[in-house]
Amino acid sequence: KWTDFIISKYNVNAQPYYVILGPDEKALVEPKGLDLNTDNFVNFLDK
C-alpha cells in the first residue's frame, strides 16, 4: 500500500523519503531523501 502510494503520489520509490504536508495535504517544502548533513535537515524542517 505504502509503496504504491509513494510511487503514485510522488513518482519516487526510494527510502528514506520525507514529505512534510500542511492541513490541505500539500507539500510545504520540496520532499527530501537521504542527506546525512544535519544542517541541511534542520533547514528542511525550519523551511
All heavy atoms as atom14 arrays in JSON, in Angstrom:
{
  "sequence": "KWTDFIISKYNVNAQPYYVILGPDEKALVEPKGLDLNTDNFVNFLDK",
  "atom14_mask": [
    [1, 1, 1, 1, 1, 1, 1, 1, 1, 0, 0, 0, 0, 0],
    [1, 1, 1, 1, 1, 1, 1, 1, 1, 1, 1, 1, 1, 1],
    [1, 1, 1, 1, 1, 1, 1, 0, 0, 0, 0, 0, 0, 0],
    [1, 1, 1, 1, 1, 1, 1, 1, 0, 0, 0, 0, 0, 0],
    [1, 1, 1, 1, 1, 1, 1, 1, 1, 1, 1, 0, 0, 0],
    [1, 1, 1, 1, 1, 1, 1, 1, 0, 0, 0, 0, 0, 0],
    [1, 1, 1, 1, 1, 1, 1, 1, 0, 0, 0, 0, 0, 0],
    [1, 1, 1, 1, 1, 1, 0, 0, 0, 0, 0, 0, 0, 0],
    [1, 1, 1, 1, 1, 1, 1, 1, 1, 0, 0, 0, 0, 0],
    [1, 1, 1, 1, 1, 1, 1, 1, 1, 1, 1, 1, 0, 0],
    [1, 1, 1, 1, 1, 1, 1, 1, 0, 0, 0, 0, 0, 0],
    [1, 1, 1, 1, 1, 1, 1, 0, 0, 0, 0, 0, 0, 0],
    [1, 1, 1, 1, 1, 1, 1, 1, 0, 0, 0, 0, 0, 0],
    [1, 1, 1, 1, 1, 0, 0, 0, 0, 0, 0, 0, 0, 0],
    [1, 1, 1, 1, 1, 1, 1, 1, 1, 0, 0, 0, 0, 0],
    [1, 1, 1, 1, 1, 1, 1, 0, 0, 0, 0, 0, 0, 0],
    [1, 1, 1, 1, 1, 1, 1, 1, 1, 1, 1, 1, 0, 0],
    [1, 1, 1, 1, 1, 1, 1, 1, 1, 1, 1, 1, 0, 0],
    [1, 1, 1, 1, 1, 1, 1, 0, 0, 0, 0, 0, 0, 0],
    [1, 1, 1, 1, 1, 1, 1, 1, 0, 0, 0, 0, 0, 0],
    [1, 1, 1, 1, 1, 1, 1, 1, 0, 0, 0, 0, 0, 0],
    [1, 1, 1, 1, 0, 0, 0, 0, 0, 0, 0, 0, 0, 0],
    [1, 1, 1, 1, 1, 1, 1, 0, 0, 0, 0, 0, 0, 0],
    [1, 1, 1, 1, 1, 1, 1, 1, 0, 0, 0, 0, 0, 0],
    [1, 1, 1, 1, 1, 1, 1, 1, 1, 0, 0, 0, 0, 0],
    [1, 1, 1, 1, 1, 1, 1, 1, 1, 0, 0, 0, 0, 0],
    [1, 1, 1, 1, 1, 0, 0, 0, 0, 0, 0, 0, 0, 0],
    [1, 1, 1, 1, 1, 1, 1, 1, 0, 0, 0, 0, 0, 0],
    [1, 1, 1, 1, 1, 1, 1, 0, 0, 0, 0, 0, 0, 0],
    [1, 1, 1, 1, 1, 1, 1, 1, 1, 0, 0, 0, 0, 0],
    [1, 1, 1, 1, 1, 1, 1, 0, 0, 0, 0, 0, 0, 0],
    [1, 1, 1, 1, 1, 1, 1, 1, 1, 0, 0, 0, 0, 0],
    [1, 1, 1, 1, 0, 0, 0, 0, 0, 0, 0, 0, 0, 0],
    [1, 1, 1, 1, 1, 1, 1, 1, 0, 0, 0, 0, 0, 0],
    [1, 1, 1, 1, 1, 1, 1, 1, 0, 0, 0, 0, 0, 0],
    [1, 1, 1, 1, 1, 1, 1, 1, 0, 0, 0, 0, 0, 0],
    [1, 1, 1, 1, 1, 1, 1, 1, 0, 0, 0, 0, 0, 0],
    [1, 1, 1, 1, 1, 1, 1, 0, 0, 0, 0, 0, 0, 0],
    [1, 1, 1, 1, 1, 1, 1, 1, 0, 0, 0, 0, 0, 0],
    [1, 1, 1, 1, 1, 1, 1, 1, 0, 0, 0, 0, 0, 0],
    [1, 1, 1, 1, 1, 1, 1, 1, 1, 1, 1, 0, 0, 0],
    [1, 1, 1, 1, 1, 1, 1, 0, 0, 0, 0, 0, 0, 0],
    [1, 1, 1, 1, 1, 1, 1, 1, 0, 0, 0, 0, 0, 0],
    [1, 1, 1, 1, 1, 1, 1, 1, 1, 1, 1, 0, 0, 0],
    [1, 1, 1, 1, 1, 1, 1, 1, 0, 0, 0, 0, 0, 0],
    [1, 1, 1, 1, 1, 1, 1, 1, 0, 0, 0, 0, 0, 0],
    [1, 1, 1, 1, 1, 1, 1, 1, 1, 0, 0, 0, 0, 0]
  ],
  "atom14_positions": [
    [[0.84, -1.2, 0.0], [0.0, 0.0, 0.0], [0.87, 1.25, 0.0], [0.67, 2.16, -0.8], [-0.91, -0.02, 1.23], [-1.7, 1.24, 1.46], [-2.5, 1.14, 2.75], [-3.24, 2.41, 3.07], [-4.05, 2.28, 4.3], [0.0, 0.0, 0.0], [0.0, 0.0, 0.0], [0.0, 0.0, 0.0], [0.0, 0.0, 0.0], [0.0, 0.0, 0.0]],
    [[1.86, 1.31, 0.91], [2.69, 2.5, 1.01], [3.65, 2.63, -0.17], [3.95, 3.75, -0.6], [3.43, 2.55, 2.34], [2.49, 2.67, 3.5], [2.49, 1.93, 4.64], [1.4, 3.6, 3.64], [1.47, 2.34, 5.47], [0.78, 3.36, 4.88], [0.87, 4.61, 2.84], [-0.31, 4.09, 5.34], [-0.22, 5.33, 3.29], [-0.8, 5.07, 4.51]],
    [[4.12, 1.5, -0.7], [4.97, 1.57, -1.91], [4.17, 2.13, -3.07], [4.65, 3.01, -3.8], [5.53, 0.18, -2.26], [6.34, -0.28, -1.17], [6.35, 0.22, -3.53], [0.0, 0.0, 0.0], [0.0, 0.0, 0.0], [0.0, 0.0, 0.0], [0.0, 0.0, 0.0], [0.0, 0.0, 0.0], [0.0, 0.0, 0.0], [0.0, 0.0, 0.0]],
    [[2.96, 1.65, -3.24], [2.11, 2.15, -4.31], [1.83, 3.65, -4.11], [1.84, 4.43, -5.06], [0.81, 1.36, -4.37], [0.03, 1.67, -5.63], [0.41, 1.16, -6.7], [-0.95, 2.44, -5.55], [0.0, 0.0, 0.0], [0.0, 0.0, 0.0], [0.0, 0.0, 0.0], [0.0, 0.0, 0.0], [0.0, 0.0, 0.0], [0.0, 0.0, 0.0]],
    [[1.6, 4.04, -2.88], [1.32, 5.44, -2.58], [2.49, 6.35, -2.93], [2.31, 7.38, -3.59], [0.94, 5.6, -1.1], [0.64, 7.01, -0.69], [-0.5, 7.66, -1.13], [1.5, 7.7, 0.14], [-0.79, 8.96, -0.75], [1.23, 9.0, 0.52], [0.09, 9.64, 0.07], [0.0, 0.0, 0.0], [0.0, 0.0, 0.0], [0.0, 0.0, 0.0]],
    [[3.7, 5.99, -2.51], [4.86, 6.85, -2.77], [5.13, 6.96, -4.27], [5.47, 8.01, -4.78], [6.12, 6.39, -1.99], [7.22, 7.46, -2.06], [6.64, 5.07, -2.5], [8.43, 7.15, -1.19], [0.0, 0.0, 0.0], [0.0, 0.0, 0.0], [0.0, 0.0, 0.0], [0.0, 0.0, 0.0], [0.0, 0.0, 0.0], [0.0, 0.0, 0.0]],
    [[4.91, 5.86, -4.99], [5.14, 5.87, -6.45], [4.06, 6.7, -7.14], [4.36, 7.55, -7.98], [5.19, 4.44, -7.02], [6.42, 3.71, -6.49], [5.19, 4.47, -8.54], [6.42, 2.21, -6.78], [0.0, 0.0, 0.0], [0.0, 0.0, 0.0], [0.0, 0.0, 0.0], [0.0, 0.0, 0.0], [0.0, 0.0, 0.0], [0.0, 0.0, 0.0]],
    [[2.8, 6.45, -6.79], [1.71, 7.13, -7.49], [1.63, 8.61, -7.14], [1.32, 9.44, -7.99], [0.37, 6.44, -7.22], [0.04, 6.52, -5.85], [0.0, 0.0, 0.0], [0.0, 0.0, 0.0], [0.0, 0.0, 0.0], [0.0, 0.0, 0.0], [0.0, 0.0, 0.0], [0.0, 0.0, 0.0], [0.0, 0.0, 0.0], [0.0, 0.0, 0.0]],
    [[1.91, 8.97, -5.9], [1.77, 10.36, -5.44], [3.02, 11.2, -5.71], [2.92, 12.36, -6.08], [1.44, 10.37, -3.94], [1.2, 11.72, -3.36], [-0.15, 12.25, -3.66], [-0.38, 13.53, -2.89], [-1.56, 14.23, -3.3], [0.0, 0.0, 0.0], [0.0, 0.0, 0.0], [0.0, 0.0, 0.0], [0.0, 0.0, 0.0], [0.0, 0.0, 0.0]],
    [[4.21, 10.6, -5.52], [5.44, 11.37, -5.59], [6.4, 10.93, -6.7], [7.47, 11.49, -6.85], [6.15, 11.35, -4.23], [5.26, 11.91, -3.15], [4.68, 11.07, -2.21], [4.97, 13.26, -3.1], [3.82, 11.58, -1.23], [4.13, 13.78, -2.12], [3.55, 12.93, -1.19], [2.72, 13.43, -0.24], [0.0, 0.0, 0.0], [0.0, 0.0, 0.0]],
    [[6.01, 9.91, -7.43], [6.81, 9.4, -8.54], [8.23, 9.02, -8.09], [9.21, 9.28, -8.78], [6.86, 10.41, -9.69], [7.22, 9.77, -11.0], [6.9, 8.61, -11.24], [7.89, 10.51, -11.86], [0.0, 0.0, 0.0], [0.0, 0.0, 0.0], [0.0, 0.0, 0.0], [0.0, 0.0, 0.0], [0.0, 0.0, 0.0], [0.0, 0.0, 0.0]],
    [[8.31, 8.44, -6.9], [9.57, 8.05, -6.29], [9.39, 6.67, -5.68], [8.3, 6.34, -5.21], [9.95, 9.05, -5.16], [11.12, 8.57, -4.33], [10.22, 10.42, -5.72], [0.0, 0.0, 0.0], [0.0, 0.0, 0.0], [0.0, 0.0, 0.0], [0.0, 0.0, 0.0], [0.0, 0.0, 0.0], [0.0, 0.0, 0.0], [0.0, 0.0, 0.0]],
    [[10.45, 5.89, -5.68], [10.45, 4.62, -4.96], [11.81, 4.46, -4.3], [12.61, 3.64, -4.72], [10.12, 3.44, -5.87], [9.91, 2.16, -5.07], [9.78, 2.2, -3.85], [9.9, 1.04, -5.75], [0.0, 0.0, 0.0], [0.0, 0.0, 0.0], [0.0, 0.0, 0.0], [0.0, 0.0, 0.0], [0.0, 0.0, 0.0], [0.0, 0.0, 0.0]],
    [[12.06, 5.3, -3.31], [13.33, 5.29, -2.61], [13.08, 5.59, -1.14], [12.16, 6.34, -0.81], [14.27, 6.33, -3.19], [0.0, 0.0, 0.0], [0.0, 0.0, 0.0], [0.0, 0.0, 0.0], [0.0, 0.0, 0.0], [0.0, 0.0, 0.0], [0.0, 0.0, 0.0], [0.0, 0.0, 0.0], [0.0, 0.0, 0.0], [0.0, 0.0, 0.0]],
    [[13.89, 5.01, -0.3], [13.81, 5.27, 1.11], [15.22, 5.56, 1.61], [16.16, 4.97, 1.11], [13.22, 4.07, 1.88], [11.78, 3.79, 1.57], [11.62, 3.09, 0.24], [12.31, 2.12, -0.05], [10.74, 3.6, -0.6], [0.0, 0.0, 0.0], [0.0, 0.0, 0.0], [0.0, 0.0, 0.0], [0.0, 0.0, 0.0], [0.0, 0.0, 0.0]],
    [[15.33, 6.46, 2.57], [14.24, 7.23, 3.16], [13.75, 8.32, 2.22], [14.48, 8.76, 1.32], [14.88, 7.85, 4.4], [16.32, 8.02, 4.03], [16.63, 6.84, 3.14], [0.0, 0.0, 0.0], [0.0, 0.0, 0.0], [0.0, 0.0, 0.0], [0.0, 0.0, 0.0], [0.0, 0.0, 0.0], [0.0, 0.0, 0.0], [0.0, 0.0, 0.0]],
    [[12.53, 8.73, 2.46], [11.94, 9.84, 1.71], [11.01, 10.56, 2.66], [10.17, 9.93, 3.31], [11.19, 9.32, 0.48], [10.87, 10.38, -0.54], [11.87, 11.0, -1.27], [9.56, 10.76, -0.78], [11.58, 11.97, -2.22], [9.26, 11.73, -1.73], [10.28, 12.32, -2.45], [9.99, 13.29, -3.39], [0.0, 0.0, 0.0], [0.0, 0.0, 0.0]],
    [[11.2, 11.87, 2.76], [10.46, 12.66, 3.73], [9.61, 13.71, 3.03], [10.11, 14.47, 2.21], [11.44, 13.35, 4.7], [12.41, 12.37, 5.31], [13.76, 12.4, 4.97], [11.98, 11.39, 6.2], [14.66, 11.49, 5.52], [12.87, 10.48, 6.75], [14.21, 10.54, 6.42], [15.08, 9.63, 6.95], [0.0, 0.0, 0.0], [0.0, 0.0, 0.0]],
    [[8.33, 13.73, 3.39], [7.38, 14.69, 2.83], [6.69, 15.38, 4.0], [6.19, 14.7, 4.9], [6.33, 13.99, 1.94], [5.39, 15.01, 1.33], [7.0, 13.15, 0.85], [0.0, 0.0, 0.0], [0.0, 0.0, 0.0], [0.0, 0.0, 0.0], [0.0, 0.0, 0.0], [0.0, 0.0, 0.0], [0.0, 0.0, 0.0], [0.0, 0.0, 0.0]],
    [[6.67, 16.7, 3.98], [6.01, 17.45, 5.04], [4.78, 18.13, 4.44], [4.89, 18.94, 3.51], [6.96, 18.49, 5.67], [8.19, 17.77, 6.24], [6.22, 19.27, 6.76], [9.24, 18.71, 6.82], [0.0, 0.0, 0.0], [0.0, 0.0, 0.0], [0.0, 0.0, 0.0], [0.0, 0.0, 0.0], [0.0, 0.0, 0.0], [0.0, 0.0, 0.0]],
    [[3.62, 17.79, 4.99], [2.35, 18.26, 4.46], [1.67, 19.24, 5.4], [1.75, 19.11, 6.62], [1.4, 17.08, 4.24], [1.87, 15.96, 3.32], [0.86, 14.81, 3.34], [2.1, 16.47, 1.92], [0.0, 0.0, 0.0], [0.0, 0.0, 0.0], [0.0, 0.0, 0.0], [0.0, 0.0, 0.0], [0.0, 0.0, 0.0], [0.0, 0.0, 0.0]],
    [[0.96, 20.19, 4.79], [0.11, 21.08, 5.56], [-1.27, 20.48, 5.7], [-1.54, 19.37, 5.21], [0.0, 0.0, 0.0], [0.0, 0.0, 0.0], [0.0, 0.0, 0.0], [0.0, 0.0, 0.0], [0.0, 0.0, 0.0], [0.0, 0.0, 0.0], [0.0, 0.0, 0.0], [0.0, 0.0, 0.0], [0.0, 0.0, 0.0], [0.0, 0.0, 0.0]],
    [[-2.2, 21.19, 6.34], [-3.55, 20.66, 6.56], [-4.31, 20.38, 5.26], [-5.25, 19.59, 5.26], [-4.25, 21.76, 7.36], [-3.25, 22.77, 7.71], [-1.99, 22.48, 6.97], [0.0, 0.0, 0.0], [0.0, 0.0, 0.0], [0.0, 0.0, 0.0], [0.0, 0.0, 0.0], [0.0, 0.0, 0.0], [0.0, 0.0, 0.0], [0.0, 0.0, 0.0]],
    [[-3.91, 21.01, 4.17], [-4.56, 20.77, 2.88], [-3.91, 19.61, 2.11], [-4.22, 19.39, 0.95], [-4.53, 22.05, 2.03], [-3.11, 22.56, 1.8], [-2.12, 21.91, 2.25], [-2.97, 23.63, 1.18], [0.0, 0.0, 0.0], [0.0, 0.0, 0.0], [0.0, 0.0, 0.0], [0.0, 0.0, 0.0], [0.0, 0.0, 0.0], [0.0, 0.0, 0.0]],
    [[-3.0, 18.91, 2.78], [-2.29, 17.75, 2.22], [-1.35, 18.12, 1.08], [-0.95, 17.29, 0.29], [-3.25, 16.64, 1.8], [-4.05, 16.09, 2.95], [-4.97, 14.95, 2.57], [-4.83, 14.39, 1.46], [-5.85, 14.63, 3.37], [0.0, 0.0, 0.0], [0.0, 0.0, 0.0], [0.0, 0.0, 0.0], [0.0, 0.0, 0.0], [0.0, 0.0, 0.0]],
    [[-0.97, 19.4, 1.0], [0.01, 19.86, 0.01], [1.36, 19.98, 0.69], [1.45, 20.39, 1.86], [-0.41, 21.2, -0.59], [-1.65, 21.09, -1.45], [-2.0, 22.4, -2.08], [-3.27, 22.23, -2.91], [-3.75, 23.5, -3.43], [0.0, 0.0, 0.0], [0.0, 0.0, 0.0], [0.0, 0.0, 0.0], [0.0, 0.0, 0.0], [0.0, 0.0, 0.0]],
    [[2.42, 19.63, -0.05], [3.77, 19.7, 0.5], [4.13, 21.14, 0.86], [3.87, 22.07, 0.09], [4.77, 19.14, -0.5], [0.0, 0.0, 0.0], [0.0, 0.0, 0.0], [0.0, 0.0, 0.0], [0.0, 0.0, 0.0], [0.0, 0.0, 0.0], [0.0, 0.0, 0.0], [0.0, 0.0, 0.0], [0.0, 0.0, 0.0], [0.0, 0.0, 0.0]],
    [[4.71, 21.31, 2.03], [5.14, 22.63, 2.48], [6.5, 22.99, 1.89], [6.82, 24.17, 1.73], [5.22, 22.66, 4.01], [3.88, 22.51, 4.73], [4.1, 22.34, 6.23], [3.0, 23.71, 4.45], [0.0, 0.0, 0.0], [0.0, 0.0, 0.0], [0.0, 0.0, 0.0], [0.0, 0.0, 0.0], [0.0, 0.0, 0.0], [0.0, 0.0, 0.0]],
    [[7.31, 21.99, 1.62], [8.64, 22.16, 1.02], [8.88, 20.99, 0.08], [8.14, 20.0, 0.1], [9.75, 22.19, 2.09], [9.7, 23.47, 2.92], [9.7, 20.97, 3.0], [0.0, 0.0, 0.0], [0.0, 0.0, 0.0], [0.0, 0.0, 0.0], [0.0, 0.0, 0.0], [0.0, 0.0, 0.0], [0.0, 0.0, 0.0], [0.0, 0.0, 0.0]],
    [[9.9, 21.11, -0.72], [10.29, 20.01, -1.62], [10.65, 18.79, -0.76], [11.42, 18.91, 0.2], [11.5, 20.45, -2.46], [11.88, 19.48, -3.53], [10.87, 19.43, -4.66], [10.18, 20.42, -4.91], [10.78, 18.35, -5.28], [0.0, 0.0, 0.0], [0.0, 0.0, 0.0], [0.0, 0.0, 0.0], [0.0, 0.0, 0.0], [0.0, 0.0, 0.0]],
    [[10.08, 17.61, -1.06], [10.43, 16.42, -0.29], [11.93, 16.15, -0.32], [12.65, 16.63, -1.21], [9.66, 15.31, -1.01], [8.5, 16.01, -1.62], [9.06, 17.35, -2.06], [0.0, 0.0, 0.0], [0.0, 0.0, 0.0], [0.0, 0.0, 0.0], [0.0, 0.0, 0.0], [0.0, 0.0, 0.0], [0.0, 0.0, 0.0], [0.0, 0.0, 0.0]],
    [[12.39, 15.38, 0.64], [13.83, 15.16, 0.82], [14.12, 13.68, 0.98], [13.41, 12.96, 1.66], [14.29, 15.92, 2.07], [15.77, 15.95, 2.29], [16.08, 16.98, 3.36], [17.53, 17.37, 3.39], [18.09, 17.83, 2.14], [0.0, 0.0, 0.0], [0.0, 0.0, 0.0], [0.0, 0.0, 0.0], [0.0, 0.0, 0.0], [0.0, 0.0, 0.0]],
    [[15.2, 13.26, 0.36], [15.69, 11.89, 0.52], [16.89, 11.85, 1.45], [17.07, 12.75, 2.29], [0.0, 0.0, 0.0], [0.0, 0.0, 0.0], [0.0, 0.0, 0.0], [0.0, 0.0, 0.0], [0.0, 0.0, 0.0], [0.0, 0.0, 0.0], [0.0, 0.0, 0.0], [0.0, 0.0, 0.0], [0.0, 0.0, 0.0], [0.0, 0.0, 0.0]],
    [[17.7, 10.85, 1.29], [18.89, 10.65, 2.13], [19.8, 11.87, 2.06], [20.18, 12.31, 0.97], [19.65, 9.4, 1.66], [20.96, 9.11, 2.39], [20.69, 8.72, 3.83], [21.74, 8.02, 1.68], [0.0, 0.0, 0.0], [0.0, 0.0, 0.0], [0.0, 0.0, 0.0], [0.0, 0.0, 0.0], [0.0, 0.0, 0.0], [0.0, 0.0, 0.0]],
    [[20.13, 12.42, 3.22], [21.08, 13.52, 3.33], [21.58, 13.49, 4.76], [20.85, 13.83, 5.69], [20.41, 14.86, 3.01], [21.36, 16.05, 3.07], [22.51, 15.89, 3.55], [20.96, 17.13, 2.63], [0.0, 0.0, 0.0], [0.0, 0.0, 0.0], [0.0, 0.0, 0.0], [0.0, 0.0, 0.0], [0.0, 0.0, 0.0], [0.0, 0.0, 0.0]],
    [[22.82, 13.07, 4.95], [23.36, 12.91, 6.29], [23.91, 14.2, 6.89], [24.47, 14.19, 7.98], [24.44, 11.82, 6.29], [23.93, 10.42, 5.92], [25.08, 9.43, 5.81], [22.9, 9.93, 6.92], [0.0, 0.0, 0.0], [0.0, 0.0, 0.0], [0.0, 0.0, 0.0], [0.0, 0.0, 0.0], [0.0, 0.0, 0.0], [0.0, 0.0, 0.0]],
    [[23.71, 15.32, 6.2], [24.15, 16.61, 6.7], [23.05, 17.17, 7.62], [21.96, 17.52, 7.15], [24.43, 17.56, 5.54], [24.92, 18.91, 6.0], [24.27, 19.6, 6.78], [26.09, 19.28, 5.51], [0.0, 0.0, 0.0], [0.0, 0.0, 0.0], [0.0, 0.0, 0.0], [0.0, 0.0, 0.0], [0.0, 0.0, 0.0], [0.0, 0.0, 0.0]],
    [[23.34, 17.24, 8.89], [22.36, 17.68, 9.88], [21.87, 19.09, 9.61], [20.68, 19.38, 9.74], [22.97, 17.59, 11.3], [23.37, 16.24, 11.53], [21.96, 17.97, 12.36], [0.0, 0.0, 0.0], [0.0, 0.0, 0.0], [0.0, 0.0, 0.0], [0.0, 0.0, 0.0], [0.0, 0.0, 0.0], [0.0, 0.0, 0.0], [0.0, 0.0, 0.0]],
    [[22.77, 19.98, 9.23], [22.36, 21.36, 8.95], [21.34, 21.42, 7.82], [20.38, 22.19, 7.89], [23.57, 22.23, 8.61], [24.48, 22.47, 9.8], [23.99, 22.39, 10.95], [25.68, 22.75, 9.58], [0.0, 0.0, 0.0], [0.0, 0.0, 0.0], [0.0, 0.0, 0.0], [0.0, 0.0, 0.0], [0.0, 0.0, 0.0], [0.0, 0.0, 0.0]],
    [[21.54, 20.61, 6.79], [20.58, 20.57, 5.68], [19.21, 20.11, 6.16], [18.18, 20.64, 5.73], [21.06, 19.64, 4.57], [22.26, 20.18, 3.83], [22.6, 21.35, 3.95], [22.91, 19.32, 3.07], [0.0, 0.0, 0.0], [0.0, 0.0, 0.0], [0.0, 0.0, 0.0], [0.0, 0.0, 0.0], [0.0, 0.0, 0.0], [0.0, 0.0, 0.0]],
    [[19.2, 19.14, 7.07], [17.92, 18.62, 7.56], [17.23, 19.65, 8.46], [16.02, 19.84, 8.38], [18.12, 17.29, 8.3], [16.9, 16.43, 8.29], [16.54, 15.71, 7.16], [16.08, 16.33, 9.4], [15.4, 14.92, 7.13], [14.94, 15.55, 9.39], [14.6, 14.83, 8.26], [0.0, 0.0, 0.0], [0.0, 0.0, 0.0], [0.0, 0.0, 0.0]],
    [[17.99, 20.34, 9.29], [17.44, 21.42, 10.12], [16.83, 22.49, 9.22], [15.71, 22.96, 9.48], [18.51, 22.02, 11.06], [18.04, 23.33, 11.67], [18.88, 21.02, 12.15], [0.0, 0.0, 0.0], [0.0, 0.0, 0.0], [0.0, 0.0, 0.0], [0.0, 0.0, 0.0], [0.0, 0.0, 0.0], [0.0, 0.0, 0.0], [0.0, 0.0, 0.0]],
    [[17.52, 22.86, 8.15], [16.99, 23.86, 7.22], [15.7, 23.38, 6.56], [14.76, 24.16, 6.38], [18.03, 24.21, 6.16], [19.19, 24.99, 6.73], [19.07, 25.66, 7.77], [20.34, 24.92, 6.09], [0.0, 0.0, 0.0], [0.0, 0.0, 0.0], [0.0, 0.0, 0.0], [0.0, 0.0, 0.0], [0.0, 0.0, 0.0], [0.0, 0.0, 0.0]],
    [[15.65, 22.11, 6.2], [14.45, 21.49, 5.62], [13.27, 21.63, 6.58], [12.18, 22.06, 6.19], [14.78, 20.03, 5.32], [13.63, 19.14, 4.96], [12.93, 19.29, 3.77], [13.26, 18.09, 5.79], [11.88, 18.45, 3.42], [12.23, 17.23, 5.45], [11.54, 17.42, 4.27], [0.0, 0.0, 0.0], [0.0, 0.0, 0.0], [0.0, 0.0, 0.0]],
    [[13.49, 21.28, 7.84], [12.43, 21.37, 8.84], [12.02, 22.82, 9.1], [10.82, 23.14, 9.17], [12.88, 20.71, 10.14], [13.2, 19.22, 10.07], [13.78, 18.73, 11.4], [11.99, 18.4, 9.68], [0.0, 0.0, 0.0], [0.0, 0.0, 0.0], [0.0, 0.0, 0.0], [0.0, 0.0, 0.0], [0.0, 0.0, 0.0], [0.0, 0.0, 0.0]],
    [[13.0, 23.7, 9.23], [12.7, 25.11, 9.51], [11.94, 25.75, 8.35], [11.03, 26.55, 8.58], [13.99, 25.89, 9.79], [14.59, 25.57, 11.15], [13.92, 24.91, 11.98], [15.74, 25.99, 11.39], [0.0, 0.0, 0.0], [0.0, 0.0, 0.0], [0.0, 0.0, 0.0], [0.0, 0.0, 0.0], [0.0, 0.0, 0.0], [0.0, 0.0, 0.0]],
    [[12.33, 25.43, 7.13], [11.63, 25.99, 5.97], [10.18, 25.53, 5.94], [9.27, 26.29, 5.61], [12.35, 25.6, 4.68], [11.76, 26.28, 3.47], [12.57, 26.0, 2.22], [11.91, 26.68, 1.03], [12.53, 26.3, -0.23], [0.0, 0.0, 0.0], [0.0, 0.0, 0.0], [0.0, 0.0, 0.0], [0.0, 0.0, 0.0], [0.0, 0.0, 0.0]]
  ]
}
